[in-house]
Amino acid sequence: MIKVDRKENEPVESLIRRFKKKVLQNGVVLEARKRRFFESPKSKKQIREEAKRRNKIREKKEHLRRIGKLEQKFKRY
């Protein structure tokens, strides 16, 4: 449980800001997002097959990019 005590003569806005910062630091928001939708645990075989499928798709896209059939998109940061 996260607890934030109000300092003397502290405005409510700064108290809320400190609370939000502590919530983010403790990972409460990330945990809530993870638990939002239940995912049944996957077997090792299932994880490996998904990884193989992703790699195959990635290799196919890279091949198409090399031969000029697929445009190269640039990442924006």
Protein backbone atom coordinates (compact mmCIF):
# COMPACT_ATOMS: atom_id res chain seq x y z
CA MET A 1 0.00 0.00 0.00
CA ILE A 2 1.27 3.43 -0.93
CA LYS A 3 1.00 6.18 1.64
CA VAL A 4 1.83 9.86 1.15
CA ASP A 5 1.58 12.23 4.09
CA ARG A 6 0.66 15.83 3.51
CA LYS A 7 3.37 18.30 4.48
CA GLU A 8 2.54 21.45 6.37
CA ASN A 9 1.07 24.16 4.09
CA GLU A 10 1.45 21.88 1.06
CA PRO A 11 -0.97 22.50 -1.82
CA VAL A 12 -3.15 19.61 -2.92
CA GLU A 13 -1.67 19.66 -6.44
CA SER A 14 1.84 18.88 -5.21
CA LEU A 15 0.48 16.16 -2.90
CA ILE A 16 -1.26 14.52 -5.87
CA ARG A 17 1.91 14.89 -7.96
CA ARG A 18 3.99 13.14 -5.28
CA PHE A 19 1.39 10.38 -4.99
CA LYS A 20 1.35 9.78 -8.75
CA LYS A 21 5.14 9.64 -8.80
CA LYS A 22 5.22 7.03 -6.02
CA VAL A 23 2.56 4.93 -7.76
CA LEU A 24 4.59 4.91 -10.98
CA GLN A 25 7.84 4.09 -9.15
CA ASN A 26 6.29 1.13 -7.33
CA GLY A 27 4.97 -0.37 -10.59
CA VAL A 28 1.33 -0.40 -9.54
CA VAL A 29 0.16 0.84 -12.93
CA LEU A 30 2.19 -1.77 -14.84
CA GLU A 31 0.86 -4.56 -12.64
CA ALA A 32 -2.72 -3.38 -13.13
CA ARG A 33 -2.26 -3.32 -16.91
CA LYS A 34 -0.83 -6.84 -16.85
CA ARG A 35 -3.73 -8.16 -14.81
CA ARG A 36 -6.39 -6.39 -16.84
CA PHE A 37 -6.80 -9.31 -19.24
CA PHE A 38 -6.15 -12.88 -18.13
CA GLU A 39 -3.73 -14.85 -20.27
CA SER A 40 -3.42 -18.54 -19.70
CA PRO A 41 0.16 -19.75 -19.31
CA LYS A 42 1.81 -21.03 -22.50
CA SER A 43 3.83 -24.18 -22.87
CA LYS A 44 7.46 -24.05 -23.98
CA LYS A 45 6.50 -25.68 -27.27
CA GLN A 46 3.88 -23.03 -27.94
CA ILE A 47 6.35 -20.22 -27.15
CA ARG A 48 8.96 -21.74 -29.49
CA GLU A 49 6.46 -22.13 -32.33
CA GLU A 50 5.36 -18.50 -32.00
CA ALA A 51 8.97 -17.34 -32.05
CA LYS A 52 9.67 -19.42 -35.19
CA ARG A 53 6.61 -17.93 -36.88
CA ARG A 54 7.70 -14.38 -36.02
CA ASN A 55 11.22 -15.04 -37.32
CA LYS A 56 9.86 -16.49 -40.56
CA ILE A 57 7.69 -13.41 -41.14
CA ARG A 58 10.61 -11.10 -40.31
CA GLU A 59 12.90 -12.92 -42.75
CA LYS A 60 10.28 -12.82 -45.50
CA LYS A 61 9.80 -9.06 -45.06
CA GLU A 62 13.56 -8.50 -45.07
CA HIS A 63 13.89 -10.52 -48.29
CA LEU A 64 11.14 -8.51 -49.97
CA ARG A 65 12.80 -5.29 -48.82
CA ARG A 66 16.13 -6.36 -50.31
CA ILE A 67 14.70 -7.20 -53.73
CA GLY A 68 12.72 -3.93 -53.77
CA LYS A 69 9.19 -5.30 -53.51
CA LEU A 70 8.58 -3.71 -50.11
CA GLU A 71 9.23 -0.13 -49.06
CA GLN A 72 11.56 0.48 -46.17
CA LYS A 73 9.87 2.44 -43.42
CA PHE A 74 11.98 4.62 -41.19
CA LYS A 75 11.39 4.70 -37.46
CA ARG A 76 10.68 8.04 -35.82
CA TYR A 77 12.03 8.73 -32.39
